[in-house]
Structures are given as C-alpha cells and as structure tokens.
Amino acid sequence: MKRRLAALLTLLLAGQALATEVTLIAVMGNKGIFSINGQRKTLSPGQSVDGLRVQSISSDAATIVIDGSSKTLLLGQGYVSTASSGSGSGGNTLTLSPDPSGHYWTTFSINGRSVRGLVDTGATTLAMSASLAAQLGLNTKGGRAGRAQTANGVVSMAIIKVPELRLGDVPLYDVTVAVAEGNALDTPLIGMSVLNRFHIKSDNGMMLLTKKNF
C-alpha cells in the first residue's frame, strides 16, 4: 500500500511539473524579461527554459514556442501551459500583469486577426470602433441599436453576436460585441460579455482569468 501511495504521489508531482506559467514582464533590446513559474528570467531568442523556447523579441512583444506551437505575448500578457489543456484547445487560463498605470491589457482574435484591448470590468460588452470591426470582418447590419457614454460623448452602437473569438488563446463562443459609430473608441474595451466567461482572481497584483466550465 505504501508503495502504491508513493507511486501515486510521484505521478501527481510529475503532472504538476508539466505546467508552465509564463508572463512577459519587460523587453530590453533583444532580450525579454519573463516570469516563468514565479521565477524571473532574462532570455534572448534561441534560449530555452522550462519547456519553452524564445523565438523572437520585438519592442513590445515576444514570440515563444510552447505546447508545440508559437505564441506571441504582448507586454504584461501571460500564458499557462498544462498537460490537460493541450496545444489544440488553447488552454483555459490567462495571467495578466498591470502596466505602469495599473491597467491590464491582452489580445483578442476574431476571424484570425488579433487586436490588443484594455480589460475593463466597468464595460458591459466587448466594445470597439466601426473601423476596427470592419478590419476584423464583422458585419454590423441587422445589429440591435444602442447608445453608450464614452470619453467623446454619447455615441450610437450596433450590438451584434460574434460566433467565435479568442481571448489570448482561450476560445469563446457566441459573444456579444458593441460596435461604436465612427471612431469614437480609439481603444477596444474588453468588457463583461467576455470577462463573465471567466473566474477572475487577483494574486500579488496579477490578474488571473480562468475559463468557467459552462
């Protein structure tokens, strides 16, 4: 019995070791500063650690190879690799760190095109300008009419449903999106029509988003 329990414990510890949590903290020249499983690492393209390899570094992003595929992390964006999530599912967790102003940013993708947006728990929906919606291939015809208060005043909105989008690498389906008339929103806002799909937790200043199981 003791041997069986010891073997089970070994398997559980091995399973935990398969998880890799990585966040891009900063970029210095051709090097990226990452938080990897809680440890700060400075890596250059071509270097590998804890199951990931740095592929390239730009002024505000890093492309890494993990889970057998390439993933691009913007400054402050995190990714959690686990054996259960698999490379095809895109995982279920995002770890975000704040920018110097205390705001959280991450990417969302629609129709294969990725955009950086501001996480805003005060916004009802994912909101964007009409010009950005056009770039993402969204059709607002037939959308429900609405109005919203923005920094530029009250604007007309078209409320539509997007069949699928990804927040980071996490797939979401049938998401409500508000498209503002003209260019009233210069920054996309990632609001509660996206965020309510996640359990949100704060940990040492980091925002942890874990997809709900429904």
N, C-alpha and C. Protein backbone atom coordinates (compact mmCIF):
# COMPACT_ATOMS: atom_id res chain seq x y z
N MET A 1 0.82 -1.21 0.00
CA MET A 1 0.00 0.00 0.00
C MET A 1 0.86 1.26 0.00
N LYS A 2 1.93 1.25 0.83
CA LYS A 2 2.80 2.43 0.89
C LYS A 2 3.46 2.68 -0.45
N ARG A 3 3.84 1.57 -1.12
CA ARG A 3 4.46 1.74 -2.44
C ARG A 3 3.48 2.34 -3.44
N ARG A 4 2.22 1.89 -3.37
CA ARG A 4 1.22 2.40 -4.30
C ARG A 4 0.96 3.89 -4.04
N LEU A 5 0.89 4.28 -2.75
CA LEU A 5 0.69 5.69 -2.43
C LEU A 5 1.88 6.53 -2.88
N ALA A 6 3.09 5.98 -2.70
CA ALA A 6 4.28 6.71 -3.13
C ALA A 6 4.29 6.88 -4.64
N ALA A 7 3.87 5.85 -5.36
CA ALA A 7 3.83 5.93 -6.82
C ALA A 7 2.80 6.95 -7.28
N LEU A 8 1.64 6.96 -6.58
CA LEU A 8 0.61 7.92 -6.93
C LEU A 8 1.08 9.34 -6.68
N LEU A 9 1.76 9.58 -5.55
CA LEU A 9 2.28 10.89 -5.24
C LEU A 9 3.29 11.32 -6.28
N THR A 10 4.13 10.40 -6.72
CA THR A 10 5.12 10.71 -7.75
C THR A 10 4.45 11.14 -9.04
N LEU A 11 3.37 10.45 -9.42
CA LEU A 11 2.65 10.80 -10.64
C LEU A 11 2.00 12.17 -10.52
N LEU A 12 1.43 12.46 -9.33
CA LEU A 12 0.80 13.76 -9.14
C LEU A 12 1.82 14.88 -9.23
N LEU A 13 2.98 14.69 -8.61
CA LEU A 13 4.03 15.71 -8.67
C LEU A 13 4.55 15.88 -10.08
N ALA A 14 4.64 14.77 -10.80
CA ALA A 14 5.10 14.86 -12.19
C ALA A 14 4.11 15.64 -13.03
N GLY A 15 2.79 15.43 -12.78
CA GLY A 15 1.77 16.15 -13.52
C GLY A 15 1.83 17.64 -13.24
N GLN A 16 2.13 18.00 -11.95
CA GLN A 16 2.23 19.41 -11.64
C GLN A 16 3.41 20.04 -12.35
N ALA A 17 4.50 19.27 -12.49
CA ALA A 17 5.70 19.82 -13.11
C ALA A 17 5.50 20.12 -14.58
N LEU A 18 4.46 19.51 -15.18
CA LEU A 18 4.22 19.74 -16.59
C LEU A 18 3.65 21.13 -16.87
N ALA A 19 3.12 21.77 -15.84
CA ALA A 19 2.52 23.08 -16.03
C ALA A 19 3.60 24.16 -16.07
N THR A 20 3.49 25.06 -17.02
CA THR A 20 4.42 26.18 -17.13
C THR A 20 3.62 27.46 -17.24
N GLU A 21 3.86 28.39 -16.31
CA GLU A 21 3.19 29.69 -16.33
C GLU A 21 4.22 30.74 -16.72
N VAL A 22 3.96 31.45 -17.80
CA VAL A 22 4.93 32.43 -18.30
C VAL A 22 4.23 33.76 -18.59
N THR A 23 4.88 34.86 -18.19
CA THR A 23 4.39 36.21 -18.44
C THR A 23 5.55 37.06 -18.94
N LEU A 24 5.31 37.84 -19.99
CA LEU A 24 6.32 38.77 -20.48
C LEU A 24 6.25 40.05 -19.65
N ILE A 25 7.31 40.32 -18.88
CA ILE A 25 7.33 41.46 -17.97
C ILE A 25 7.87 42.72 -18.64
N ALA A 26 8.97 42.56 -19.38
CA ALA A 26 9.61 43.73 -19.99
C ALA A 26 10.48 43.28 -21.15
N VAL A 27 10.87 44.25 -21.99
CA VAL A 27 11.79 44.00 -23.10
C VAL A 27 12.95 44.98 -22.99
N MET A 28 14.16 44.44 -23.09
CA MET A 28 15.36 45.27 -23.08
C MET A 28 16.21 44.91 -24.30
N GLY A 29 16.13 45.75 -25.33
CA GLY A 29 16.87 45.45 -26.55
C GLY A 29 16.37 44.18 -27.18
N ASN A 30 17.28 43.21 -27.38
CA ASN A 30 16.89 41.93 -27.98
C ASN A 30 16.66 40.86 -26.92
N LYS A 31 16.43 41.27 -25.68
CA LYS A 31 16.18 40.31 -24.60
C LYS A 31 14.81 40.58 -23.97
N GLY A 32 14.16 39.51 -23.57
CA GLY A 32 12.88 39.63 -22.88
C GLY A 32 13.04 39.21 -21.44
N ILE A 33 12.34 39.92 -20.54
CA ILE A 33 12.32 39.54 -19.14
C ILE A 33 10.98 38.86 -18.87
N PHE A 34 11.05 37.60 -18.48
CA PHE A 34 9.86 36.78 -18.29
C PHE A 34 9.72 36.38 -16.83
N SER A 35 8.48 36.19 -16.40
CA SER A 35 8.21 35.49 -15.16
C SER A 35 7.80 34.08 -15.54
N ILE A 36 8.62 33.09 -15.18
CA ILE A 36 8.36 31.70 -15.54
C ILE A 36 8.21 30.90 -14.27
N ASN A 37 6.99 30.44 -14.01
CA ASN A 37 6.68 29.70 -12.79
C ASN A 37 7.16 30.46 -11.55
N GLY A 38 6.95 31.80 -11.58
CA GLY A 38 7.29 32.62 -10.43
C GLY A 38 8.73 33.08 -10.37
N GLN A 39 9.56 32.63 -11.30
CA GLN A 39 10.97 33.00 -11.32
C GLN A 39 11.23 33.95 -12.48
N ARG A 40 11.96 35.03 -12.21
CA ARG A 40 12.27 35.99 -13.26
C ARG A 40 13.46 35.50 -14.08
N LYS A 41 13.28 35.47 -15.41
CA LYS A 41 14.31 35.01 -16.32
C LYS A 41 14.50 36.03 -17.44
N THR A 42 15.76 36.29 -17.78
CA THR A 42 16.08 37.16 -18.92
C THR A 42 16.59 36.27 -20.04
N LEU A 43 15.86 36.27 -21.17
CA LEU A 43 16.15 35.34 -22.25
C LEU A 43 16.27 36.05 -23.59
N SER A 44 17.14 35.52 -24.42
CA SER A 44 17.32 36.02 -25.79
C SER A 44 16.73 35.02 -26.76
N PRO A 45 16.45 35.42 -28.00
CA PRO A 45 15.96 34.47 -29.00
C PRO A 45 16.89 33.26 -29.11
N GLY A 46 16.28 32.07 -29.14
CA GLY A 46 17.05 30.83 -29.23
C GLY A 46 17.25 30.14 -27.90
N GLN A 47 17.07 30.86 -26.79
CA GLN A 47 17.26 30.26 -25.48
C GLN A 47 15.99 29.53 -25.04
N SER A 48 16.18 28.46 -24.26
CA SER A 48 15.06 27.64 -23.80
C SER A 48 15.13 27.46 -22.29
N VAL A 49 13.96 27.34 -21.67
CA VAL A 49 13.88 27.06 -20.23
C VAL A 49 12.49 26.55 -19.90
N ASP A 50 12.40 25.55 -19.02
CA ASP A 50 11.12 25.04 -18.53
C ASP A 50 10.12 24.72 -19.62
N GLY A 51 10.57 24.12 -20.70
CA GLY A 51 9.67 23.68 -21.75
C GLY A 51 9.26 24.72 -22.76
N LEU A 52 9.85 25.92 -22.70
CA LEU A 52 9.54 26.92 -23.71
C LEU A 52 10.83 27.43 -24.33
N ARG A 53 10.72 27.89 -25.55
CA ARG A 53 11.88 28.46 -26.26
C ARG A 53 11.49 29.83 -26.81
N VAL A 54 12.37 30.79 -26.65
CA VAL A 54 12.12 32.13 -27.17
C VAL A 54 12.46 32.14 -28.66
N GLN A 55 11.48 32.52 -29.47
CA GLN A 55 11.67 32.52 -30.91
C GLN A 55 12.11 33.88 -31.41
N SER A 56 11.47 34.95 -30.92
CA SER A 56 11.85 36.29 -31.36
C SER A 56 11.40 37.31 -30.31
N ILE A 57 12.05 38.49 -30.34
CA ILE A 57 11.73 39.59 -29.44
C ILE A 57 11.54 40.86 -30.27
N SER A 58 10.47 41.61 -29.98
CA SER A 58 10.28 42.92 -30.60
C SER A 58 10.19 43.96 -29.49
N SER A 59 9.87 45.19 -29.85
CA SER A 59 9.87 46.27 -28.86
C SER A 59 8.82 46.10 -27.78
N ASP A 60 7.70 45.42 -28.09
CA ASP A 60 6.63 45.28 -27.09
C ASP A 60 6.01 43.88 -27.06
N ALA A 61 6.74 42.89 -27.57
CA ALA A 61 6.18 41.54 -27.61
C ALA A 61 7.31 40.52 -27.73
N ALA A 62 6.95 39.28 -27.44
CA ALA A 62 7.89 38.17 -27.60
C ALA A 62 7.12 36.97 -28.15
N THR A 63 7.71 36.28 -29.09
CA THR A 63 7.13 35.06 -29.62
C THR A 63 7.88 33.88 -29.02
N ILE A 64 7.14 32.97 -28.39
CA ILE A 64 7.75 31.81 -27.77
C ILE A 64 7.17 30.55 -28.39
N VAL A 65 7.89 29.46 -28.28
CA VAL A 65 7.40 28.16 -28.71
C VAL A 65 7.11 27.34 -27.45
N ILE A 66 5.85 26.96 -27.27
CA ILE A 66 5.42 26.20 -26.10
C ILE A 66 4.22 25.37 -26.51
N ASP A 67 4.06 24.22 -25.89
CA ASP A 67 2.97 23.30 -26.26
C ASP A 67 3.04 22.91 -27.73
N GLY A 68 4.23 22.98 -28.33
CA GLY A 68 4.40 22.56 -29.71
C GLY A 68 3.98 23.59 -30.74
N SER A 69 3.66 24.82 -30.31
CA SER A 69 3.26 25.85 -31.27
C SER A 69 3.79 27.20 -30.83
N SER A 70 3.78 28.17 -31.76
CA SER A 70 4.27 29.52 -31.46
C SER A 70 3.15 30.36 -30.87
N LYS A 71 3.48 31.14 -29.85
CA LYS A 71 2.52 32.03 -29.23
C LYS A 71 3.20 33.39 -29.01
N THR A 72 2.49 34.45 -29.34
CA THR A 72 3.04 35.79 -29.16
C THR A 72 2.44 36.42 -27.90
N LEU A 73 3.31 36.84 -27.00
CA LEU A 73 2.91 37.51 -25.76
C LEU A 73 3.23 38.99 -25.86
N LEU A 74 2.24 39.84 -25.64
CA LEU A 74 2.48 41.27 -25.52
C LEU A 74 2.95 41.57 -24.11
N LEU A 75 3.49 42.76 -23.89
CA LEU A 75 3.94 43.14 -22.56
C LEU A 75 2.80 42.99 -21.55
N GLY A 76 3.05 42.28 -20.48
CA GLY A 76 2.05 42.07 -19.45
C GLY A 76 1.15 40.88 -19.68
N GLN A 77 1.25 40.24 -20.84
CA GLN A 77 0.38 39.11 -21.14
C GLN A 77 1.02 37.82 -20.69
N GLY A 78 0.19 36.93 -20.16
CA GLY A 78 0.68 35.65 -19.69
C GLY A 78 0.02 34.48 -20.39
N TYR A 79 0.61 33.30 -20.18
CA TYR A 79 0.07 32.06 -20.74
C TYR A 79 0.39 30.94 -19.77
N VAL A 80 -0.56 30.06 -19.56
CA VAL A 80 -0.34 28.90 -18.71
C VAL A 80 -0.47 27.65 -19.56
N SER A 81 0.60 26.87 -19.59
CA SER A 81 0.60 25.60 -20.31
C SER A 81 0.35 24.48 -19.33
N THR A 82 -0.60 23.62 -19.62
CA THR A 82 -0.82 22.44 -18.78
C THR A 82 -1.01 21.24 -19.66
N ALA A 83 -0.72 20.08 -19.11
CA ALA A 83 -0.87 18.85 -19.89
C ALA A 83 -2.31 18.62 -20.28
N SER A 84 -3.27 19.06 -19.44
CA SER A 84 -4.68 18.80 -19.71
C SER A 84 -5.25 19.72 -20.77
N SER A 85 -4.64 20.92 -20.92
CA SER A 85 -5.24 21.86 -21.87
C SER A 85 -4.95 21.45 -23.30
N GLY A 86 -3.74 20.94 -23.55
CA GLY A 86 -3.39 20.52 -24.91
C GLY A 86 -3.11 21.69 -25.79
N SER A 87 -2.32 21.50 -26.84
CA SER A 87 -1.97 22.60 -27.72
C SER A 87 -3.12 23.02 -28.60
N GLY A 88 -4.06 22.11 -28.85
CA GLY A 88 -5.16 22.44 -29.75
C GLY A 88 -6.26 23.24 -29.08
N SER A 89 -6.47 23.04 -27.76
CA SER A 89 -7.59 23.69 -27.09
C SER A 89 -7.31 25.14 -26.79
N GLY A 90 -6.03 25.52 -26.75
CA GLY A 90 -5.68 26.88 -26.42
C GLY A 90 -5.61 27.14 -24.94
N GLY A 91 -5.86 26.13 -24.09
CA GLY A 91 -5.79 26.33 -22.65
C GLY A 91 -7.03 27.05 -22.14
N ASN A 92 -7.08 27.23 -20.82
CA ASN A 92 -8.24 27.84 -20.19
C ASN A 92 -7.88 28.97 -19.24
N THR A 93 -6.63 29.37 -19.17
CA THR A 93 -6.19 30.35 -18.20
C THR A 93 -5.33 31.43 -18.82
N LEU A 94 -5.54 32.66 -18.39
CA LEU A 94 -4.68 33.78 -18.76
C LEU A 94 -4.17 34.44 -17.49
N THR A 95 -2.92 34.84 -17.50
CA THR A 95 -2.33 35.58 -16.39
C THR A 95 -1.85 36.92 -16.91
N LEU A 96 -2.41 38.01 -16.38
CA LEU A 96 -2.09 39.34 -16.87
C LEU A 96 -1.43 40.15 -15.77
N SER A 97 -0.42 40.92 -16.13
CA SER A 97 0.20 41.83 -15.17
C SER A 97 -0.11 43.26 -15.58
N PRO A 98 -0.19 44.19 -14.62
CA PRO A 98 -0.58 45.56 -14.94
C PRO A 98 0.53 46.34 -15.62
N ASP A 99 0.13 47.32 -16.42
CA ASP A 99 1.11 48.24 -17.00
C ASP A 99 1.47 49.28 -15.94
N PRO A 100 2.38 50.20 -16.22
CA PRO A 100 2.77 51.19 -15.20
C PRO A 100 1.62 52.02 -14.65
N SER A 101 0.52 52.12 -15.41
CA SER A 101 -0.65 52.88 -14.95
C SER A 101 -1.64 52.03 -14.17
N GLY A 102 -1.34 50.74 -14.03
CA GLY A 102 -2.23 49.84 -13.31
C GLY A 102 -3.31 49.22 -14.15
N HIS A 103 -3.24 49.39 -15.48
CA HIS A 103 -4.24 48.82 -16.39
C HIS A 103 -3.77 47.45 -16.90
N TYR A 104 -4.75 46.62 -17.24
CA TYR A 104 -4.45 45.28 -17.76
C TYR A 104 -4.83 45.23 -19.25
N TRP A 105 -3.94 44.67 -20.03
CA TRP A 105 -4.14 44.54 -21.47
C TRP A 105 -3.96 43.09 -21.88
N THR A 106 -4.67 42.70 -22.92
CA THR A 106 -4.44 41.40 -23.53
C THR A 106 -4.95 41.43 -24.97
N THR A 107 -4.71 40.37 -25.69
CA THR A 107 -5.17 40.32 -27.08
C THR A 107 -6.45 39.51 -27.20
N PHE A 108 -7.25 39.86 -28.18
CA PHE A 108 -8.37 39.02 -28.59
C PHE A 108 -8.31 38.87 -30.10
N SER A 109 -8.80 37.75 -30.58
CA SER A 109 -8.72 37.44 -32.00
C SER A 109 -10.11 37.12 -32.54
N ILE A 110 -10.43 37.69 -33.70
CA ILE A 110 -11.68 37.42 -34.40
C ILE A 110 -11.34 37.21 -35.87
N ASN A 111 -11.87 36.13 -36.44
CA ASN A 111 -11.61 35.80 -37.85
C ASN A 111 -10.11 35.76 -38.16
N GLY A 112 -9.34 35.25 -37.20
CA GLY A 112 -7.91 35.08 -37.42
C GLY A 112 -7.08 36.33 -37.29
N ARG A 113 -7.70 37.46 -36.93
CA ARG A 113 -6.98 38.72 -36.76
C ARG A 113 -6.93 39.08 -35.29
N SER A 114 -5.74 39.44 -34.80
CA SER A 114 -5.54 39.72 -33.38
C SER A 114 -5.45 41.22 -33.11
N VAL A 115 -6.04 41.65 -31.99
CA VAL A 115 -6.05 43.05 -31.59
C VAL A 115 -5.75 43.13 -30.10
N ARG A 116 -5.04 44.16 -29.70
CA ARG A 116 -4.77 44.38 -28.29
C ARG A 116 -5.87 45.24 -27.71
N GLY A 117 -6.44 44.82 -26.56
CA GLY A 117 -7.53 45.56 -25.95
C GLY A 117 -7.29 45.78 -24.46
N LEU A 118 -8.01 46.76 -23.91
CA LEU A 118 -7.92 47.10 -22.50
C LEU A 118 -8.99 46.33 -21.72
N VAL A 119 -8.59 45.62 -20.68
CA VAL A 119 -9.53 44.90 -19.83
C VAL A 119 -10.28 45.93 -18.98
N ASP A 120 -11.62 45.95 -19.11
CA ASP A 120 -12.44 46.95 -18.44
C ASP A 120 -13.65 46.28 -17.81
N THR A 121 -13.59 46.03 -16.50
CA THR A 121 -14.70 45.37 -15.82
C THR A 121 -15.92 46.29 -15.70
N GLY A 122 -15.75 47.58 -16.00
CA GLY A 122 -16.88 48.50 -15.96
C GLY A 122 -17.64 48.57 -17.27
N ALA A 123 -17.12 47.94 -18.31
CA ALA A 123 -17.78 47.93 -19.61
C ALA A 123 -18.70 46.71 -19.70
N THR A 124 -19.89 46.93 -20.24
CA THR A 124 -20.87 45.83 -20.32
C THR A 124 -20.46 44.78 -21.34
N THR A 125 -19.89 45.21 -22.45
CA THR A 125 -19.58 44.28 -23.53
C THR A 125 -18.15 44.50 -24.03
N LEU A 126 -17.72 43.63 -24.90
CA LEU A 126 -16.54 43.91 -25.71
C LEU A 126 -16.95 45.01 -26.67
N ALA A 127 -16.25 46.13 -26.66
CA ALA A 127 -16.63 47.29 -27.46
C ALA A 127 -15.47 47.74 -28.33
N MET A 128 -15.81 48.18 -29.55
CA MET A 128 -14.78 48.62 -30.49
C MET A 128 -15.36 49.61 -31.48
N SER A 129 -14.50 50.26 -32.23
CA SER A 129 -14.94 51.22 -33.24
C SER A 129 -15.43 50.50 -34.49
N ALA A 130 -16.20 51.21 -35.29
CA ALA A 130 -16.71 50.63 -36.53
C ALA A 130 -15.56 50.31 -37.49
N SER A 131 -14.53 51.15 -37.51
CA SER A 131 -13.41 50.90 -38.41
C SER A 131 -12.67 49.63 -38.03
N LEU A 132 -12.50 49.40 -36.73
CA LEU A 132 -11.84 48.16 -36.29
C LEU A 132 -12.72 46.95 -36.61
N ALA A 133 -14.03 47.09 -36.39
CA ALA A 133 -14.94 45.98 -36.69
C ALA A 133 -14.83 45.59 -38.16
N ALA A 134 -14.71 46.60 -39.03
CA ALA A 134 -14.57 46.32 -40.46
C ALA A 134 -13.26 45.59 -40.74
N GLN A 135 -12.19 45.98 -40.07
CA GLN A 135 -10.90 45.30 -40.25
C GLN A 135 -10.97 43.85 -39.80
N LEU A 136 -11.81 43.58 -38.79
CA LEU A 136 -11.94 42.22 -38.28
C LEU A 136 -12.97 41.40 -39.06
N GLY A 137 -13.56 42.01 -40.07
CA GLY A 137 -14.52 41.30 -40.91
C GLY A 137 -15.89 41.14 -40.29
N LEU A 138 -16.26 42.02 -39.36
CA LEU A 138 -17.56 41.93 -38.72
C LEU A 138 -18.61 42.72 -39.49
N ASN A 139 -19.78 42.13 -39.60
CA ASN A 139 -20.91 42.77 -40.29
C ASN A 139 -21.90 43.27 -39.25
N THR A 140 -22.10 44.59 -39.19
CA THR A 140 -23.00 45.16 -38.18
C THR A 140 -24.42 45.34 -38.69
N LYS A 141 -24.67 45.02 -39.96
CA LYS A 141 -26.03 45.15 -40.49
C LYS A 141 -26.96 44.18 -39.77
N GLY A 142 -28.09 44.70 -39.35
CA GLY A 142 -29.04 43.87 -38.61
C GLY A 142 -28.77 43.82 -37.14
N GLY A 143 -27.71 44.52 -36.68
CA GLY A 143 -27.41 44.56 -35.26
C GLY A 143 -28.42 45.39 -34.49
N ARG A 144 -28.58 45.09 -33.22
CA ARG A 144 -29.51 45.83 -32.37
C ARG A 144 -28.93 47.21 -32.06
N ALA A 145 -29.75 48.25 -32.18
CA ALA A 145 -29.29 49.61 -31.94
C ALA A 145 -29.15 49.88 -30.44
N GLY A 146 -28.13 50.64 -30.09
CA GLY A 146 -27.92 51.01 -28.70
C GLY A 146 -27.15 52.31 -28.62
N ARG A 147 -27.00 52.83 -27.41
CA ARG A 147 -26.24 54.05 -27.19
C ARG A 147 -25.37 53.86 -25.96
N ALA A 148 -24.21 54.54 -25.95
CA ALA A 148 -23.30 54.40 -24.82
C ALA A 148 -22.57 55.70 -24.58
N GLN A 149 -22.22 55.91 -23.32
CA GLN A 149 -21.44 57.09 -22.95
C GLN A 149 -19.96 56.78 -23.08
N THR A 150 -19.23 57.57 -23.84
CA THR A 150 -17.79 57.40 -23.99
C THR A 150 -17.09 58.71 -23.61
N ALA A 151 -15.75 58.68 -23.67
CA ALA A 151 -14.99 59.90 -23.38
C ALA A 151 -15.29 60.99 -24.39
N ASN A 152 -15.79 60.59 -25.56
CA ASN A 152 -16.13 61.55 -26.61
C ASN A 152 -17.61 61.90 -26.64
N GLY A 153 -18.34 61.54 -25.58
CA GLY A 153 -19.76 61.82 -25.51
C GLY A 153 -20.60 60.58 -25.79
N VAL A 154 -21.90 60.77 -25.95
CA VAL A 154 -22.82 59.66 -26.23
C VAL A 154 -22.71 59.28 -27.70
N VAL A 155 -22.53 57.99 -27.96
CA VAL A 155 -22.41 57.52 -29.34
C VAL A 155 -23.41 56.40 -29.59
N SER A 156 -23.77 56.24 -30.84
CA SER A 156 -24.65 55.16 -31.26
C SER A 156 -23.83 53.87 -31.40
N MET A 157 -24.46 52.77 -31.04
CA MET A 157 -23.79 51.47 -31.08
C MET A 157 -24.64 50.47 -31.86
N ALA A 158 -23.98 49.52 -32.48
CA ALA A 158 -24.66 48.37 -33.06
C ALA A 158 -24.24 47.15 -32.24
N ILE A 159 -25.23 46.46 -31.65
CA ILE A 159 -24.96 45.31 -30.80
C ILE A 159 -25.12 44.05 -31.63
N ILE A 160 -24.03 43.28 -31.74
CA ILE A 160 -24.05 42.08 -32.57
C ILE A 160 -23.52 40.89 -31.77
N LYS A 161 -23.67 39.72 -32.34
CA LYS A 161 -23.12 38.49 -31.75
C LYS A 161 -21.99 37.99 -32.65
N VAL A 162 -20.88 37.65 -32.03
CA VAL A 162 -19.75 37.07 -32.76
C VAL A 162 -19.71 35.58 -32.44
N PRO A 163 -19.78 34.71 -33.45
CA PRO A 163 -19.85 33.27 -33.20
C PRO A 163 -18.66 32.73 -32.42
N GLU A 164 -17.47 33.25 -32.70
CA GLU A 164 -16.28 32.74 -32.00
C GLU A 164 -15.22 33.83 -31.94
N LEU A 165 -14.57 33.93 -30.79
CA LEU A 165 -13.38 34.76 -30.65
C LEU A 165 -12.46 34.09 -29.65
N ARG A 166 -11.23 34.56 -29.62
CA ARG A 166 -10.26 34.04 -28.64
C ARG A 166 -9.75 35.19 -27.79
N LEU A 167 -9.77 34.98 -26.50
CA LEU A 167 -9.11 35.91 -25.59
C LEU A 167 -7.76 35.29 -25.26
N GLY A 168 -6.69 35.92 -25.75
CA GLY A 168 -5.42 35.22 -25.71
C GLY A 168 -5.54 33.97 -26.55
N ASP A 169 -5.37 32.82 -25.94
CA ASP A 169 -5.53 31.54 -26.64
C ASP A 169 -6.78 30.79 -26.20
N VAL A 170 -7.65 31.44 -25.42
CA VAL A 170 -8.83 30.77 -24.89
C VAL A 170 -10.02 31.00 -25.81
N PRO A 171 -10.60 29.95 -26.37
CA PRO A 171 -11.73 30.13 -27.28
C PRO A 171 -13.02 30.43 -26.54
N LEU A 172 -13.81 31.38 -27.07
CA LEU A 172 -15.11 31.73 -26.53
C LEU A 172 -16.11 31.76 -27.68
N TYR A 173 -17.38 31.45 -27.38
CA TYR A 173 -18.37 31.34 -28.44
C TYR A 173 -19.61 32.19 -28.14
N ASP A 174 -20.22 32.71 -29.22
CA ASP A 174 -21.47 33.45 -29.12
C ASP A 174 -21.32 34.63 -28.16
N VAL A 175 -20.41 35.54 -28.48
CA VAL A 175 -20.05 36.65 -27.61
C VAL A 175 -20.70 37.95 -28.12
N THR A 176 -21.31 38.70 -27.21
CA THR A 176 -21.91 39.98 -27.56
C THR A 176 -20.82 41.04 -27.73
N VAL A 177 -20.91 41.80 -28.84
CA VAL A 177 -19.94 42.84 -29.15
C VAL A 177 -20.70 44.12 -29.48
N ALA A 178 -20.24 45.25 -28.95
CA ALA A 178 -20.83 46.55 -29.26
C ALA A 178 -19.88 47.30 -30.19
N VAL A 179 -20.41 47.73 -31.33
CA VAL A 179 -19.61 48.45 -32.33
C VAL A 179 -20.05 49.90 -32.33
N ALA A 180 -19.12 50.80 -31.98
CA ALA A 180 -19.43 52.22 -31.89
C ALA A 180 -19.37 52.88 -33.25
N GLU A 181 -20.27 53.81 -33.45
CA GLU A 181 -20.32 54.55 -34.71
C GLU A 181 -19.02 55.34 -34.93
N GLY A 182 -18.51 55.29 -36.13
CA GLY A 182 -17.29 56.03 -36.45
C GLY A 182 -16.08 55.51 -35.70
N ASN A 183 -15.25 56.44 -35.22
CA ASN A 183 -14.05 56.07 -34.49
C ASN A 183 -14.11 56.58 -33.06
N ALA A 184 -15.29 56.49 -32.46
CA ALA A 184 -15.48 57.02 -31.10
C ALA A 184 -14.62 56.27 -30.09
N LEU A 185 -14.33 55.00 -30.33
CA LEU A 185 -13.49 54.22 -29.42
C LEU A 185 -12.14 53.99 -30.08
N ASP A 186 -11.13 54.71 -29.62
CA ASP A 186 -9.81 54.51 -30.20
C ASP A 186 -9.10 53.29 -29.61
N THR A 187 -9.61 52.80 -28.45
CA THR A 187 -9.05 51.61 -27.82
C THR A 187 -10.16 50.60 -27.60
N PRO A 188 -10.02 49.37 -28.07
CA PRO A 188 -11.03 48.34 -27.80
C PRO A 188 -11.11 48.07 -26.30
N LEU A 189 -12.32 47.92 -25.80
CA LEU A 189 -12.55 47.64 -24.38
C LEU A 189 -13.04 46.20 -24.24
N ILE A 190 -12.35 45.43 -23.45
CA ILE A 190 -12.74 44.04 -23.20
C ILE A 190 -13.61 44.04 -21.95
N GLY A 191 -14.93 44.04 -22.18
CA GLY A 191 -15.88 44.17 -21.08
C GLY A 191 -16.47 42.85 -20.63
N MET A 192 -17.58 42.94 -19.92
CA MET A 192 -18.11 41.78 -19.21
C MET A 192 -18.73 40.72 -20.10
N SER A 193 -19.10 41.02 -21.34
CA SER A 193 -19.60 39.96 -22.22
C SER A 193 -18.50 38.92 -22.49
N VAL A 194 -17.25 39.32 -22.30
CA VAL A 194 -16.11 38.40 -22.38
C VAL A 194 -15.69 37.95 -20.99
N LEU A 195 -15.54 38.91 -20.08
CA LEU A 195 -14.98 38.61 -18.76
C LEU A 195 -15.90 37.74 -17.92
N ASN A 196 -17.23 37.80 -18.17
CA ASN A 196 -18.12 36.97 -17.36
C ASN A 196 -18.01 35.48 -17.71
N ARG A 197 -17.22 35.15 -18.72
CA ARG A 197 -16.95 33.75 -19.05
C ARG A 197 -15.82 33.18 -18.18
N PHE A 198 -15.23 34.03 -17.32
CA PHE A 198 -14.07 33.63 -16.54
C PHE A 198 -14.29 33.85 -15.04
N HIS A 199 -13.60 33.03 -14.25
CA HIS A 199 -13.41 33.36 -12.84
C HIS A 199 -12.22 34.31 -12.79
N ILE A 200 -12.38 35.46 -12.12
CA ILE A 200 -11.33 36.47 -12.06
C ILE A 200 -10.76 36.52 -10.66
N LYS A 201 -9.44 36.42 -10.58
CA LYS A 201 -8.76 36.41 -9.28
C LYS A 201 -7.55 37.32 -9.34
N SER A 202 -7.30 38.03 -8.25
CA SER A 202 -6.11 38.87 -8.15
C SER A 202 -5.09 38.18 -7.25
N ASP A 203 -3.84 38.14 -7.69
CA ASP A 203 -2.80 37.46 -6.93
C ASP A 203 -1.50 38.26 -7.06
N ASN A 204 -1.12 38.97 -5.99
CA ASN A 204 0.11 39.76 -5.99
C ASN A 204 0.16 40.75 -7.15
N GLY A 205 -0.97 41.39 -7.42
CA GLY A 205 -1.03 42.36 -8.49
C GLY A 205 -1.33 41.79 -9.85
N MET A 206 -1.24 40.47 -10.01
CA MET A 206 -1.54 39.82 -11.28
C MET A 206 -3.04 39.54 -11.36
N MET A 207 -3.60 39.59 -12.56
CA MET A 207 -4.99 39.21 -12.78
C MET A 207 -5.01 37.83 -13.41
N LEU A 208 -5.67 36.90 -12.74
CA LEU A 208 -5.77 35.52 -13.22
C LEU A 208 -7.18 35.29 -13.75
N LEU A 209 -7.28 34.91 -15.01
CA LEU A 209 -8.57 34.63 -15.64
C LEU A 209 -8.64 33.14 -15.95
N THR A 210 -9.59 32.44 -15.34
CA THR A 210 -9.77 31.01 -15.58
C THR A 210 -11.15 30.78 -16.17
N LYS A 211 -11.20 30.17 -17.33
CA LYS A 211 -12.48 29.98 -18.02
C LYS A 211 -13.43 29.11 -17.21
N LYS A 212 -14.69 29.55 -17.13
CA LYS A 212 -15.71 28.79 -16.42
C LYS A 212 -16.10 27.56 -17.24
N ASN A 213 -16.53 26.53 -16.53
CA ASN A 213 -16.90 25.28 -17.20
C ASN A 213 -18.39 25.25 -17.52
N PHE A 214 -18.79 26.08 -18.48
CA PHE A 214 -20.18 26.04 -18.98
C PHE A 214 -20.19 26.54 -20.39
